[in-house]
Amino acid sequence: MLATALIAGLVAQIEPPRGVNGSILGSVADFRTRGPARLCLEHSSFDAVRGETVYLDYLGIHWGGLRVRTSRSHYYVKEGDNWGIPRREIGRTIRGTRHRRVVRYPSPGGPRYLIYGRTDYSPDRDRPVAWVDGPALAGTDADRRILDRIDVELENFESCQRTYGYGWDGWFATRGDSR
């Protein structure tokens, strides 16, 4: 009984998923997935581990985002097709993060990471695909373990327990079941 009350309290603290112009897409519970699970957006997948709960945060025309709740904090995985590269900030390429380029940018709230990859609209060169940020990130090896669970060169959605589409074609397209 106490566990149910605690979970209900945590869900109440999470904002419902939003869409264009602040529209609410549904209830928090309808868009919640407990790890372990693979969640996918248009060009990426994220592997949630045991102890993490993933909530849909935003689906719009140009990007979609997930909020990942850990036992102590949270972070965001945001994928889009029109990310600009920060011009005023100097980023540092992170080594040893699988087969793609990851750049860390400083920010007042902690580091932000921009992951580059190839997509169907850019098959010949790397493009900025996903931002990862939030209070759970501290610029340590723990961040790399999170980044290594994000794949931005996804070719097959069959392994996804849940998929969210953004953009005009996939704005409300969700596939899979919540856990």
Protein backbone atom coordinates (compact mmCIF):
# COMPACT_ATOMS: atom_id res chain seq x y z
CA MET A 1 0.00 0.00 0.00
CA LEU A 2 2.82 2.41 0.91
CA ALA A 3 4.68 1.58 -2.33
CA THR A 4 1.57 2.36 -4.37
CA ALA A 5 1.20 5.72 -2.61
CA LEU A 6 4.87 6.56 -3.24
CA ILE A 7 4.60 5.71 -6.94
CA ALA A 8 1.41 7.77 -7.25
CA GLY A 9 3.23 10.68 -5.59
CA LEU A 10 6.15 10.46 -8.04
CA VAL A 11 3.82 10.30 -11.04
CA ALA A 12 1.97 13.36 -9.73
CA GLN A 13 5.28 15.30 -9.75
CA ILE A 14 5.85 14.57 -13.45
CA GLU A 15 4.25 16.97 -15.92
CA PRO A 16 1.97 15.37 -18.52
CA PRO A 17 3.48 15.05 -22.00
CA ARG A 18 3.08 18.16 -24.10
CA GLY A 19 2.77 18.87 -27.78
CA VAL A 20 2.67 21.91 -30.02
CA ASN A 21 1.37 25.08 -28.33
CA GLY A 22 1.44 23.41 -24.92
CA SER A 23 -1.26 20.88 -25.74
CA ILE A 24 -1.46 17.93 -23.35
CA LEU A 25 -1.06 14.62 -25.20
CA GLY A 26 -2.43 12.40 -22.43
CA SER A 27 -1.88 11.32 -18.87
CA VAL A 28 1.53 10.70 -17.34
CA ALA A 29 0.63 7.06 -16.69
CA ASP A 30 -0.32 6.47 -20.34
CA PHE A 31 3.16 7.52 -21.48
CA ARG A 32 5.27 5.87 -18.77
CA THR A 33 7.68 2.98 -19.41
CA ARG A 34 9.70 1.22 -16.73
CA GLY A 35 13.17 -0.13 -17.49
CA PRO A 36 14.57 -2.33 -18.69
CA ALA A 37 13.12 -1.31 -22.04
CA ARG A 38 14.12 0.14 -25.39
CA LEU A 39 12.28 3.32 -26.42
CA CYS A 40 12.61 4.80 -29.87
CA LEU A 41 12.03 8.15 -31.52
CA GLU A 42 12.37 8.85 -35.25
CA HIS A 43 16.16 8.34 -35.55
CA SER A 44 17.30 7.05 -32.19
CA SER A 45 16.76 4.53 -29.46
CA PHE A 46 17.32 4.75 -25.73
CA ASP A 47 17.83 1.73 -23.49
CA ALA A 48 16.36 2.34 -20.05
CA VAL A 49 17.88 0.17 -17.34
CA ARG A 50 16.26 -1.41 -14.30
CA GLY A 51 15.38 1.30 -11.79
CA GLU A 52 14.73 3.96 -14.45
CA THR A 53 11.30 5.11 -15.50
CA VAL A 54 10.91 6.93 -18.80
CA TYR A 55 8.14 9.44 -19.45
CA LEU A 56 7.26 11.05 -22.74
CA ASP A 57 8.07 14.73 -22.24
CA TYR A 58 7.31 16.41 -25.58
CA LEU A 59 6.29 15.57 -29.16
CA GLY A 60 6.20 18.36 -31.67
CA ILE A 61 6.81 19.12 -35.30
CA HIS A 62 10.63 19.19 -35.16
CA TRP A 63 11.56 17.20 -32.07
CA GLY A 64 10.50 14.76 -29.40
CA GLY A 65 11.82 14.24 -25.90
CA LEU A 66 11.90 11.71 -23.10
CA ARG A 67 12.32 12.42 -19.38
CA VAL A 68 14.26 9.67 -17.63
CA ARG A 69 13.72 9.35 -13.88
CA THR A 70 16.43 7.61 -11.87
CA SER A 71 16.30 6.73 -8.19
CA ARG A 72 17.95 10.07 -7.33
CA SER A 73 17.38 12.52 -10.17
CA HIS A 74 16.39 12.82 -13.84
CA TYR A 75 17.71 13.70 -17.28
CA TYR A 76 16.30 14.29 -20.75
CA VAL A 77 16.94 12.64 -24.12
CA LYS A 78 15.72 14.95 -26.89
CA GLU A 79 15.87 14.03 -30.56
CA GLY A 80 15.25 16.47 -33.37
CA ASP A 81 15.81 17.16 -37.03
CA ASN A 82 16.76 20.82 -36.75
CA TRP A 83 19.18 21.26 -33.85
CA GLY A 84 21.44 24.23 -34.19
CA ILE A 85 24.97 24.03 -32.88
CA PRO A 86 25.56 26.52 -30.07
CA ARG A 87 27.77 29.29 -31.46
CA ARG A 88 28.69 31.06 -28.25
CA GLU A 89 29.63 27.94 -26.38
CA ILE A 90 32.76 25.92 -26.90
CA GLY A 91 32.10 22.22 -26.88
CA ARG A 92 34.54 19.38 -26.28
CA THR A 93 34.37 16.10 -28.17
CA ILE A 94 34.02 13.15 -25.82
CA ARG A 95 36.10 10.08 -26.64
CA GLY A 96 35.03 6.48 -26.24
CA THR A 97 31.31 6.82 -26.84
CA ARG A 98 30.66 4.02 -29.34
CA HIS A 99 30.69 4.79 -33.07
CA ARG A 100 29.50 8.38 -33.11
CA ARG A 101 30.65 11.84 -32.21
CA VAL A 102 29.46 13.30 -28.91
CA VAL A 103 30.21 16.90 -27.94
CA ARG A 104 29.89 18.15 -24.36
CA TYR A 105 28.81 21.75 -23.85
CA PRO A 106 28.99 23.54 -20.51
CA SER A 107 25.85 25.12 -19.10
CA PRO A 108 24.88 26.62 -15.73
CA GLY A 109 22.77 23.55 -14.87
CA GLY A 110 25.51 21.05 -15.71
CA PRO A 111 26.88 19.56 -18.91
CA ARG A 112 24.79 19.06 -22.04
CA TYR A 113 25.70 16.54 -24.69
CA LEU A 114 24.98 16.76 -28.42
CA ILE A 115 25.11 13.41 -30.24
CA TYR A 116 25.78 13.37 -33.98
CA GLY A 117 24.72 10.65 -36.41
CA ARG A 118 23.55 9.90 -39.93
CA THR A 119 19.88 9.90 -40.76
CA ASP A 120 17.64 9.24 -43.75
CA TYR A 121 17.76 12.96 -44.54
CA SER A 122 21.56 13.07 -44.15
CA PRO A 123 22.99 9.67 -45.10
CA ASP A 124 26.42 10.98 -46.15
CA ARG A 125 27.39 13.12 -43.18
CA ASP A 126 26.86 13.36 -39.46
CA ARG A 127 24.19 15.74 -38.24
CA PRO A 128 23.25 16.85 -34.72
CA VAL A 129 20.53 14.37 -33.73
CA ALA A 130 20.08 14.22 -29.95
CA TRP A 131 20.61 16.44 -26.91
CA VAL A 132 21.07 14.84 -23.50
CA ASP A 133 20.90 17.07 -20.43
CA GLY A 134 19.51 17.38 -16.93
CA PRO A 135 20.49 17.40 -13.27
CA ALA A 136 21.52 13.71 -13.20
CA LEU A 137 24.49 14.51 -15.46
CA ALA A 138 27.74 15.60 -13.84
CA GLY A 139 30.43 15.32 -16.52
CA THR A 140 31.72 11.98 -15.17
CA ASP A 141 32.05 8.42 -16.45
CA ALA A 142 28.47 7.86 -15.30
CA ASP A 143 27.40 10.24 -18.09
CA ARG A 144 29.23 8.08 -20.65
CA ARG A 145 27.34 5.02 -19.44
CA ILE A 146 24.09 6.92 -20.14
CA LEU A 147 25.30 8.17 -23.54
CA ASP A 148 26.34 4.64 -24.53
CA ARG A 149 22.70 3.54 -24.17
CA ILE A 150 21.60 5.96 -26.90
CA ASP A 151 21.86 4.82 -30.51
CA VAL A 152 21.40 7.47 -33.20
CA GLU A 153 21.91 5.20 -36.20
CA LEU A 154 18.85 3.07 -35.71
CA GLU A 155 17.83 1.02 -38.72
CA ASN A 156 15.35 -1.37 -37.16
CA PHE A 157 12.44 -0.53 -34.86
CA GLU A 158 11.55 -4.18 -34.15
CA SER A 159 13.48 -4.17 -30.86
CA CYS A 160 11.61 -1.13 -29.50
CA GLN A 161 9.07 -1.72 -26.75
CA ARG A 162 7.67 1.73 -27.43
CA THR A 163 8.16 4.18 -30.31
CA TYR A 164 7.19 7.85 -30.47
CA GLY A 165 7.00 9.75 -33.72
CA TYR A 166 7.24 13.50 -34.09
CA GLY A 167 6.70 15.70 -37.10
CA TRP A 168 3.60 15.98 -39.22
CA ASP A 169 3.62 12.31 -40.24
CA GLY A 170 4.27 10.79 -36.87
CA TRP A 171 3.11 13.32 -34.33
CA PHE A 172 0.63 11.04 -32.63
CA ALA A 173 2.18 7.79 -33.80
CA THR A 174 3.07 5.62 -30.85
CA ARG A 175 3.72 1.94 -31.10
CA GLY A 176 4.18 -0.58 -28.33
CA ASP A 177 2.90 -1.07 -24.84
CA SER A 178 3.83 0.69 -21.65
CA ARG A 179 5.26 -1.38 -18.83
